[in-house]
C-alpha cells in the first residue's frame, strides 16, 4: 500500500496542481488576515482602552462614536502592513532572484504564522502594530515568491490561468475575512479567528515543504548579477505598474466610500451595505477567470485596455443609481473590469521579466506589489478627504475619467520589443566581425 502511495506522492510534489494550491493559499491567508481584523479592532481597541467595560459587543450607534475617537489609531494600525510591505519588497525581490523562490516562500509563511500568533495574544496597541508590521513583511515574502513560482512553472496562456486562479484566493479572502472575523469574535471570542488562520497557515506550510525544488531555480542561483534598477528604468514595466496603481487606488476609494454613500443617500443598514458590495467581489472573481481564457484570443494589452476603460465607465454610472438594485449592474461591471485588467497586467509583468530582463521575476513582481501597496495606502488615505471636498458624484466622475484617459496607453504594450533578441543579434554581429578581422590579419613574415 505504501509502495503504491509513494509514486503518487512524488508525482503530486512535482505537479502544477501543488504549485497552484500553495500560491492560492498564500494569497488567501495574507488577505484573510488583513480583512479579518476590520470588524474586530474597533471593539477590541475600545476594550483595551477601557478595561473595566464588560458589556456585550458595541452596537452600531456606539461603534460609530468609538470609530470617530479611534479612527487615527485604526488608520495607523491598518496602514502598518502595506507600509512594511513597501519597504520590504525590494529586499524580498533581491533574495528571491538571488536564492530562488522556495526559501523565500517558506520564510514568508513562517513570518505570517508568527504574526497570526502575535495577534492572538496582543494586549496593547503597540503589540498589535508590531504584529501587523510583521504580517506586512511576511506577506511581501509570500506573495512575491508565489508570483515568481507561478511565472517559472507556467508559460504563456497557462501562466495567465495560474495567476487568475491565485488572484481568486485574494478575492475569497476579502469576502470571507470580515464575515468570519465578526462572527467568530462575537460568538467564540477574540482569539478564535486568529487561531483558525494559524491552522490554515500550518497547512499551507506543510504543502510548501512538500514541494520539490525545481532544477531551473537551482540554476538561477549562479546567474550573473542583474540590477533591479534596470526594471525601474524600463518604460514598459513602469507603464504596467501605473495601470496597477491606478486600478488599485481607485478600487480602494470606491470600496471605502460606497458604503458611506449608501448610508447617507439611501439610509442603508449595515447588512444592506455588505450585500451591496457582493456584486463587485463576484464580478472580480469572474473577471479573473475570464482573463486567462480571453488572453490567447484578444491579447493582454486589449484586456488591460478594456478593463481600464470598463473601470472608468462603471464608476461614472454608479452615482446615478437611485437605490441598491440599480447599483448592482455597474458595481458588478466594476468588479469584472478590475479582474480582467489586474490579471492581465500581472501576467504582462511576468512576460516583461521574461523577454526584457532575464527572467528576474522577483524584482518584476516586487514592483507590482509596491504599486499595489502604494495604491492601497493612498486610496484608503485620500478617499474620505476627497469625498468630503468634492462629493461622491464628482469624486467618482474624476476617478472614472482618470481610468478612461489612461486606458489607451495599453496600446503601447501591444508589441513590446525583446531586449534578449537584440542581445543575441549583437553577439552574432560581433562574432562575425571578429571572424573577418582574423581572416584578413597579416601573418608573421608576410610582406604588403
Protein backbone atom coordinates (compact mmCIF):
# COMPACT_ATOMS: atom_id res chain seq x y z
CA UNK A 1 0.00 0.00 0.00
CA UNK A 2 2.82 2.38 0.96
CA UNK A 3 4.79 1.47 -2.17
CA UNK A 4 1.78 2.41 -4.31
CA UNK A 5 1.27 5.68 -2.48
CA UNK A 6 4.88 6.85 -2.82
CA UNK A 7 4.82 7.33 -6.64
CA UNK A 8 1.52 9.20 -6.33
CA UNK A 9 3.00 11.48 -3.67
CA UNK A 10 6.11 12.02 -5.78
CA UNK A 11 4.02 13.00 -8.82
CA UNK A 12 1.93 15.35 -6.66
CA UNK A 13 5.08 17.05 -5.36
CA UNK A 14 6.18 17.74 -8.94
CA UNK A 15 2.75 18.72 -10.25
CA UNK A 16 1.46 22.14 -11.21
CA UNK A 17 -1.59 21.46 -9.03
CA UNK A 18 0.52 21.72 -5.87
CA UNK A 19 2.02 24.96 -7.13
CA UNK A 20 -1.47 26.39 -7.69
CA UNK A 21 -2.70 25.29 -4.25
CA UNK A 22 0.32 26.78 -2.48
CA UNK A 23 0.01 30.09 -4.38
CA UNK A 24 -3.75 30.23 -3.76
CA UNK A 25 -3.32 29.65 -0.02
CA UNK A 26 -0.50 32.22 0.18
CA UNK A 27 -2.79 34.89 -1.29
CA UNK A 28 -5.81 33.70 0.71
CA UNK A 29 -4.11 33.65 4.12
CA UNK A 30 -2.45 37.04 3.67
CA UNK A 31 -5.68 38.71 2.52
CA UNK A 32 -7.84 36.99 5.13
CA UNK A 33 -5.52 38.10 7.93
CA UNK A 34 -5.70 41.64 6.52
CA UNK A 35 -9.51 41.75 6.45
CA UNK A 36 -10.43 39.61 9.46
CA UNK A 37 -9.41 42.36 11.88
CA UNK A 38 -11.70 45.04 10.43
CA UNK A 39 -14.89 44.08 12.30
CA UNK A 40 -12.85 43.17 15.42
CA UNK A 41 -10.47 46.05 16.08
CA UNK A 42 -12.91 48.90 16.86
CA UNK A 43 -14.47 46.90 19.70
CA UNK A 44 -11.22 45.27 20.82
CA UNK A 45 -9.27 48.53 20.96
CA UNK A 46 -12.10 50.11 22.94
CA UNK A 47 -11.91 47.28 25.46
CA UNK A 48 -8.14 47.63 25.72
CA UNK A 49 -8.51 51.33 26.50
CA UNK A 50 -11.47 50.70 28.84
CA UNK A 51 -10.55 47.50 30.75
CA UNK A 52 -13.49 47.97 33.14
CA UNK A 53 -16.01 47.73 30.29
CA UNK A 54 -17.60 44.27 30.45
CA UNK A 55 -20.67 44.78 28.27
CA UNK A 56 -21.61 42.97 25.09
CA UNK A 57 -20.24 43.79 21.65
CA UNK A 58 -20.54 47.51 20.94
CA UNK A 59 -23.71 48.24 18.97
CA UNK A 60 -23.69 50.15 15.66
CA UNK A 61 -24.52 53.65 17.10
CA UNK A 62 -21.86 53.17 19.74
CA UNK A 63 -19.43 51.82 17.16
CA UNK A 64 -19.73 54.99 15.06
CA UNK A 65 -18.89 57.16 18.07
CA UNK A 66 -15.96 54.98 19.06
CA UNK A 67 -14.68 54.86 15.47
CA UNK A 68 -14.53 58.64 15.48
CA UNK A 69 -12.32 58.55 18.56
CA UNK A 70 -10.26 55.56 17.46
CA UNK A 71 -10.03 56.47 13.75
CA UNK A 72 -6.43 57.71 13.96
CA UNK A 73 -5.21 54.58 15.76
CA UNK A 74 -7.18 52.32 13.44
CA UNK A 75 -5.76 54.09 10.40
CA UNK A 76 -2.20 53.71 11.69
CA UNK A 77 -2.82 50.04 12.51
CA UNK A 78 -4.32 49.26 9.09
CA UNK A 79 -1.54 51.13 7.28
CA UNK A 80 1.25 49.27 9.11
CA UNK A 81 1.01 46.20 6.88
CA UNK A 82 1.15 47.86 3.41
CA UNK A 83 3.82 50.29 4.67
CA UNK A 84 6.00 47.39 5.85
CA UNK A 85 5.43 45.59 2.54
CA UNK A 86 6.51 48.63 0.52
CA UNK A 87 9.78 48.82 2.50
CA UNK A 88 10.38 45.06 2.35
CA UNK A 89 9.53 44.45 -1.33
CA UNK A 90 12.99 45.32 -2.73
CA UNK A 91 14.65 43.04 -0.17
CA UNK A 92 12.23 40.20 -0.93
CA UNK A 93 12.85 40.64 -4.64
CA UNK A 94 16.63 40.59 -4.32
CA UNK A 95 16.58 37.49 -2.13
CA UNK A 96 14.11 35.71 -4.43
CA UNK A 97 16.17 36.45 -7.55
CA UNK A 98 19.39 35.52 -5.77
CA UNK A 99 18.35 32.35 -3.91
CA UNK A 100 15.15 31.25 -5.64
CA UNK A 101 11.54 31.33 -4.53
CA UNK A 102 11.45 28.16 -2.39
CA UNK A 103 13.33 29.56 0.63
CA UNK A 104 11.61 32.96 0.39
CA UNK A 105 8.18 31.35 0.19
CA UNK A 106 8.83 29.37 3.35
CA UNK A 107 10.24 32.38 5.24
CA UNK A 108 7.08 34.30 4.32
CA UNK A 109 4.88 31.53 5.71
CA UNK A 110 6.82 31.48 9.00
CA UNK A 111 6.53 35.27 9.39
CA UNK A 112 2.79 35.24 8.63
CA UNK A 113 2.31 32.41 11.15
CA UNK A 114 4.16 34.30 13.91
CA UNK A 115 2.19 37.43 13.02
CA UNK A 116 -1.05 35.50 13.47
CA UNK A 117 0.09 34.15 16.84
CA UNK A 118 1.17 37.67 17.85
CA UNK A 119 -2.32 38.96 17.01
CA UNK A 120 -3.82 36.18 19.13
CA UNK A 121 -2.01 37.25 22.30
CA UNK A 122 -1.61 41.02 21.76
CA UNK A 123 -2.98 43.07 24.65
CA UNK A 124 -1.82 46.56 23.66
CA UNK A 125 -1.84 48.81 20.61
CA UNK A 126 1.96 48.61 20.32
CA UNK A 127 1.86 44.80 20.15
CA UNK A 128 -0.96 44.88 17.59
CA UNK A 129 1.03 47.35 15.49
CA UNK A 130 4.11 45.10 15.63
CA UNK A 131 2.03 42.07 14.64
CA UNK A 132 0.56 43.98 11.72
CA UNK A 133 4.01 45.11 10.55
CA UNK A 134 5.37 41.55 10.70
CA UNK A 135 2.36 40.45 8.66
CA UNK A 136 3.30 43.01 6.00
CA UNK A 137 6.86 41.69 5.85
CA UNK A 138 5.67 38.07 5.69
CA UNK A 139 3.10 38.93 3.05
CA UNK A 140 5.77 40.62 0.94
CA UNK A 141 7.92 37.47 1.03
CA UNK A 142 4.99 35.12 0.39
CA UNK A 143 3.24 36.99 -2.40
CA UNK A 144 6.36 37.92 -4.40
CA UNK A 145 7.69 34.37 -4.11
CA UNK A 146 4.27 32.94 -5.07
CA UNK A 147 4.08 35.05 -8.23
CA UNK A 148 7.67 34.14 -9.06
CA UNK A 149 6.82 30.45 -8.61
CA UNK A 150 3.83 30.75 -10.92
CA UNK A 151 5.84 32.61 -13.55
CA UNK A 152 8.61 29.98 -13.51
CA UNK A 153 6.23 27.00 -13.52
CA UNK A 154 3.74 28.14 -16.18
CA UNK A 155 4.21 29.85 -19.53
CA UNK A 156 2.02 31.83 -21.96
CA UNK A 157 -1.73 31.18 -21.54
CA UNK A 158 -1.19 28.72 -18.68
CA UNK A 159 0.60 31.47 -16.76
CA UNK A 160 -2.41 33.76 -17.13
CA UNK A 161 -4.71 30.98 -15.88
CA UNK A 162 -2.45 30.31 -12.90
CA UNK A 163 -2.26 33.98 -11.92
CA UNK A 164 -6.03 34.32 -12.31
CA UNK A 165 -6.60 31.32 -10.06
CA UNK A 166 -4.22 32.63 -7.40
CA UNK A 167 -5.86 36.07 -7.56
CA UNK A 168 -9.19 34.43 -6.68
CA UNK A 169 -7.55 33.49 -3.36
CA UNK A 170 -7.27 37.21 -2.59
CA UNK A 171 -10.90 37.83 -3.53
CA UNK A 172 -12.20 34.96 -1.43
CA UNK A 173 -10.08 36.21 1.46
CA UNK A 174 -11.68 39.64 1.07
CA UNK A 175 -15.13 38.06 1.07
CA UNK A 176 -14.84 35.65 3.98
CA UNK A 177 -12.36 37.55 6.19
CA UNK A 178 -14.72 40.18 7.61
CA UNK A 179 -17.64 37.72 7.90
CA UNK A 180 -15.61 35.07 9.73
CA UNK A 181 -13.87 37.67 11.88
CA UNK A 182 -17.06 39.32 13.06
CA UNK A 183 -18.99 36.07 13.62
CA UNK A 184 -16.19 34.23 15.47
CA UNK A 185 -15.26 37.27 17.56
CA UNK A 186 -18.84 37.71 18.72
CA UNK A 187 -19.56 34.03 19.38
CA UNK A 188 -16.19 32.46 20.31
CA UNK A 189 -14.06 35.36 21.47
CA UNK A 190 -11.13 37.42 20.22
CA UNK A 191 -8.57 34.64 19.80
CA UNK A 192 -10.72 32.27 17.73
CA UNK A 193 -10.37 33.77 14.21
CA UNK A 194 -6.59 34.12 14.56
CA UNK A 195 -6.20 30.53 15.72
CA UNK A 196 -8.22 29.44 12.68
CA UNK A 197 -5.92 31.41 10.34
CA UNK A 198 -2.87 29.98 12.13
CA UNK A 199 -4.20 26.49 11.40
CA UNK A 200 -4.65 27.29 7.70
CA UNK A 201 -1.11 28.73 7.66
CA UNK A 202 0.27 25.48 9.08
CA UNK A 203 -1.48 23.51 6.31
CA UNK A 204 -0.01 25.89 3.74
CA UNK A 205 3.42 25.45 5.32
CA UNK A 206 3.23 21.65 5.10
CA UNK A 207 2.31 21.91 1.42
CA UNK A 208 5.23 24.28 0.82
CA UNK A 209 7.57 21.77 2.44
CA UNK A 210 6.22 19.04 0.15
CA UNK A 211 7.26 20.95 -2.94
CA UNK A 212 10.33 19.76 -4.80
CA UNK A 213 12.76 22.48 -5.67
CA UNK A 214 12.89 22.75 -9.47
CA UNK A 215 16.21 22.34 -11.26
CA UNK A 216 15.59 25.57 -13.17
CA UNK A 217 15.50 27.51 -9.92
CA UNK A 218 18.78 25.99 -8.74
CA UNK A 219 20.50 27.19 -11.91
CA UNK A 220 19.26 30.73 -11.29
CA UNK A 221 21.38 30.99 -8.15
CA UNK A 222 24.58 31.06 -10.19
CA UNK A 223 23.25 33.53 -12.75
CA UNK A 224 25.21 36.74 -13.16
CA UNK A 225 24.15 39.75 -11.13
CA UNK A 226 21.46 41.95 -12.62
CA UNK A 227 20.45 45.28 -11.14
CA UNK A 228 16.79 45.75 -10.26
CA UNK A 229 17.20 49.38 -11.32
CA UNK A 230 17.08 48.13 -14.92
CA UNK A 231 13.42 47.25 -14.40
CA UNK A 232 12.69 50.64 -12.86
CA UNK A 233 14.22 52.28 -15.94
CA UNK A 234 12.09 50.20 -18.29
CA UNK A 235 9.14 52.36 -19.52
CA UNK A 236 7.02 49.25 -20.23
CA UNK A 237 7.41 47.96 -16.67
CA UNK A 238 6.58 51.41 -15.30
CA UNK A 239 3.51 51.61 -17.53
CA UNK A 240 2.29 48.24 -16.25
CA UNK A 241 2.90 49.42 -12.68
CA UNK A 242 0.91 52.60 -13.42
CA UNK A 243 -2.09 50.53 -14.51
CA UNK A 244 -1.85 48.51 -11.30
CA UNK A 245 -1.50 51.61 -9.13
CA UNK A 246 -4.43 53.50 -10.67
CA UNK A 247 -6.68 50.42 -10.67
CA UNK A 248 -5.96 49.54 -7.03
CA UNK A 249 -6.12 53.14 -5.76
CA UNK A 250 -9.50 53.76 -7.39
CA UNK A 251 -10.81 50.38 -6.20
CA UNK A 252 -9.83 51.25 -2.61
CA UNK A 253 -11.52 54.65 -2.88
CA UNK A 254 -14.70 53.14 -4.28
CA UNK A 255 -14.74 50.29 -1.76
CA UNK A 256 -14.22 52.69 1.13
CA UNK A 257 -16.75 55.34 0.13
CA UNK A 258 -19.63 53.38 -1.45
CA UNK A 259 -20.86 52.12 1.97
CA UNK A 260 -20.74 55.68 3.34
CA UNK A 261 -22.61 56.98 0.27
CA UNK A 262 -25.23 54.25 0.64
CA UNK A 263 -25.72 55.15 4.29
CA UNK A 264 -26.05 58.86 3.51
CA UNK A 265 -28.10 58.79 0.30
CA UNK A 266 -30.17 55.61 0.74
CA UNK A 267 -30.19 55.20 4.54
CA UNK A 268 -28.77 51.70 4.04
CA UNK A 269 -28.31 49.49 7.09
CA UNK A 270 -25.09 47.60 7.83
CA UNK A 271 -26.28 44.35 6.22
CA UNK A 272 -27.51 46.23 3.13
CA UNK A 273 -24.09 47.85 2.78
CA UNK A 274 -22.48 44.42 2.98
CA UNK A 275 -24.83 42.91 0.40
CA UNK A 276 -24.29 45.86 -1.95
CA UNK A 277 -20.54 45.13 -2.04
CA UNK A 278 -21.01 41.48 -3.07
CA UNK A 279 -21.57 42.17 -6.82
CA UNK A 280 -18.13 43.77 -7.07
CA UNK A 281 -16.43 40.77 -5.42
CA UNK A 282 -18.33 38.25 -7.56
CA UNK A 283 -17.55 40.29 -10.67
CA UNK A 284 -13.84 40.38 -9.79
CA UNK A 285 -13.73 36.58 -9.50
CA UNK A 286 -15.49 36.23 -12.87
CA UNK A 287 -13.11 38.76 -14.45
CA UNK A 288 -10.10 36.89 -13.05
CA UNK A 289 -11.43 33.65 -14.54
CA UNK A 290 -12.29 35.20 -17.91
CA UNK A 291 -8.97 36.99 -18.33
CA UNK A 292 -6.85 33.84 -18.86
CA UNK A 293 -9.48 32.44 -21.23
CA UNK A 294 -9.52 35.59 -23.36
CA UNK A 295 -5.82 36.46 -23.26
CA UNK A 296 -4.93 33.99 -26.02
CA UNK A 297 -7.59 35.42 -28.33
CA UNK A 298 -7.52 39.11 -27.51
CA UNK A 299 -4.02 39.65 -26.16
CA UNK A 300 -3.02 41.06 -22.79
CA UNK A 301 -2.91 44.66 -23.97
CA UNK A 302 -6.54 44.56 -25.17
CA UNK A 303 -7.72 43.13 -21.85
CA UNK A 304 -5.84 45.86 -19.98
CA UNK A 305 -7.40 48.49 -22.25
CA UNK A 306 -10.94 47.09 -21.95
CA UNK A 307 -10.56 46.54 -18.21
CA UNK A 308 -9.29 50.05 -17.52
CA UNK A 309 -11.99 51.54 -19.75
CA UNK A 310 -14.64 49.41 -18.02
CA UNK A 311 -13.48 50.62 -14.61
CA UNK A 312 -13.84 54.23 -15.72
CA UNK A 313 -17.26 53.88 -17.33
CA UNK A 314 -18.79 51.85 -14.50
CA UNK A 315 -17.52 54.34 -11.91
CA UNK A 316 -19.20 57.26 -13.67
CA UNK A 317 -22.51 55.34 -13.76
CA UNK A 318 -22.55 54.31 -10.08
CA UNK A 319 -23.55 57.74 -8.63
CA UNK A 320 -26.62 57.76 -10.91
CA UNK A 321 -28.09 54.78 -9.02
CA UNK A 322 -31.16 55.73 -7.00
CA UNK A 323 -31.37 52.52 -4.96
CA UNK A 324 -29.32 49.41 -4.20
CA UNK A 325 -30.80 47.23 -7.01
CA UNK A 326 -29.77 49.87 -9.56
CA UNK A 327 -26.24 49.82 -8.15
CA UNK A 328 -25.81 46.07 -8.75
CA UNK A 329 -25.12 46.24 -12.51
CA UNK A 330 -22.43 48.99 -12.52
CA UNK A 331 -20.79 47.60 -9.37
CA UNK A 332 -20.71 44.12 -10.92
CA UNK A 333 -19.21 45.57 -14.13
CA UNK A 334 -16.64 47.40 -12.00
CA UNK A 335 -15.58 44.07 -10.48
CA UNK A 336 -15.38 42.26 -13.84
CA UNK A 337 -13.30 45.07 -15.35
CA UNK A 338 -10.96 45.06 -12.36
CA UNK A 339 -10.47 41.29 -12.57
CA UNK A 340 -9.77 41.44 -16.31
CA UNK A 341 -7.27 44.29 -16.07
CA UNK A 342 -5.38 43.22 -12.93
CA UNK A 343 -4.90 39.60 -14.01
CA UNK A 344 -3.79 40.67 -17.49
CA UNK A 345 -1.33 43.28 -16.24
CA UNK A 346 0.21 40.90 -13.68
CA UNK A 347 0.69 38.37 -16.48
CA UNK A 348 2.26 41.15 -18.56
CA UNK A 349 4.71 41.85 -15.72
CA UNK A 350 5.87 38.23 -15.89
CA UNK A 351 6.22 38.39 -19.68
CA UNK A 352 8.25 41.61 -19.48
CA UNK A 353 10.58 39.95 -16.97
CA UNK A 354 10.99 37.05 -19.41
CA UNK A 355 11.60 38.97 -22.59
CA UNK A 356 13.45 42.05 -21.37
CA UNK A 357 15.11 41.30 -18.01
CA UNK A 358 16.48 37.78 -17.97
CA UNK A 359 13.52 36.27 -16.08
CA UNK A 360 14.10 38.38 -12.95
CA UNK A 361 10.61 37.63 -11.70
CA UNK A 362 11.30 38.60 -8.09
CA UNK A 363 12.24 42.17 -8.95
CA UNK A 364 9.42 42.48 -11.50
CA UNK A 365 6.69 41.32 -9.11
CA UNK A 366 8.20 43.41 -6.31
CA UNK A 367 7.44 46.46 -8.46
CA UNK A 368 3.85 45.29 -8.99
CA UNK A 369 3.42 44.58 -5.26
CA UNK A 370 4.83 48.01 -4.41
CA UNK A 371 2.34 49.59 -6.82
CA UNK A 372 -0.44 47.64 -5.08
CA UNK A 373 0.80 48.71 -1.63
CA UNK A 374 1.14 52.38 -2.55
CA UNK A 375 -2.21 52.34 -4.35
CA UNK A 376 -3.89 50.74 -1.33
CA UNK A 377 -2.34 53.20 1.11
CA UNK A 378 -3.12 56.30 -0.94
CA UNK A 379 -6.59 55.06 -1.87
CA UNK A 380 -7.58 54.47 1.76
CA UNK A 381 -5.97 57.70 2.97
CA UNK A 382 -7.36 60.03 0.29
CA UNK A 383 -10.87 58.66 -0.25
CA UNK A 384 -12.52 60.28 2.76
CA UNK A 385 -10.82 63.63 2.21
CA UNK A 386 -11.68 63.63 -1.50
CA UNK A 387 -15.33 62.76 -0.90
CA UNK A 388 -15.67 65.47 1.73
CA UNK A 389 -14.02 68.02 -0.56
CA UNK A 390 -15.92 67.44 -3.82
CA UNK A 391 -18.72 64.99 -3.00
CA UNK A 392 -19.30 61.40 -4.10
CA UNK A 393 -20.54 62.24 -7.61
CA UNK A 394 -17.59 64.41 -8.62
CA UNK A 395 -15.10 62.07 -6.94
CA UNK A 396 -16.41 59.12 -8.93
CA UNK A 397 -16.54 61.15 -12.14
CA UNK A 398 -12.94 62.31 -11.73
CA UNK A 399 -11.64 58.81 -10.92
CA UNK A 400 -13.62 57.39 -13.81
CA UNK A 401 -12.14 59.88 -16.25
CA UNK A 402 -8.64 59.09 -14.94
CA UNK A 403 -9.10 55.41 -15.82
CA UNK A 404 -10.64 56.23 -19.22
CA UNK A 405 -7.78 58.57 -20.12
CA UNK A 406 -5.18 56.01 -19.03
CA UNK A 407 -6.73 53.09 -20.96
CA UNK A 408 -5.36 53.98 -24.48
CA UNK A 409 -1.82 53.71 -23.10
CA UNK A 410 -2.33 49.92 -23.10
CA UNK A 411 -1.71 50.05 -26.87
CA UNK A 412 1.97 50.69 -26.06
CA UNK A 413 2.11 47.17 -24.59
CA UNK A 414 0.93 45.62 -27.87
CA UNK A 415 4.32 44.69 -29.35
CA UNK A 416 6.94 45.17 -26.67
CA UNK A 417 10.44 44.66 -28.13
CA UNK A 418 12.51 41.93 -26.56
CA UNK A 419 15.95 43.01 -25.40
CA UNK A 420 17.13 39.39 -25.41
CA UNK A 421 16.68 39.18 -29.18
CA UNK A 422 18.70 42.34 -29.62
CA UNK A 423 21.45 40.99 -27.40
CA UNK A 424 21.64 37.79 -29.47
CA UNK A 425 21.82 39.74 -32.72
CA UNK A 426 24.59 41.96 -31.37
CA UNK A 427 26.55 38.90 -30.23
CA UNK A 428 26.24 37.30 -33.68
CA UNK A 429 27.29 40.56 -35.36
CA UNK A 430 30.26 40.85 -33.04
CA UNK A 431 31.33 37.29 -33.69
CA UNK A 432 31.10 37.80 -37.48
CA UNK A 433 33.27 40.90 -37.25
CA UNK A 434 35.83 39.02 -35.20
CA UNK A 435 35.96 36.26 -37.81
CA UNK A 436 36.51 38.78 -40.61
CA UNK A 437 39.24 40.51 -38.66
CA UNK A 438 41.02 37.27 -38.04
CA UNK A 439 40.74 36.31 -41.75
CA UNK A 440 42.50 39.47 -43.00
CA UNK A 441 45.02 39.75 -40.18
CA UNK A 442 48.59 39.74 -41.59
CA UNK A 443 50.60 36.69 -40.69
CA UNK A 444 54.20 36.83 -39.44
CA UNK A 445 56.68 37.05 -42.32
CA UNK A 446 54.18 38.32 -44.89
CA UNK A 447 55.05 41.48 -46.85
CA UNK A 448 52.46 44.02 -48.03
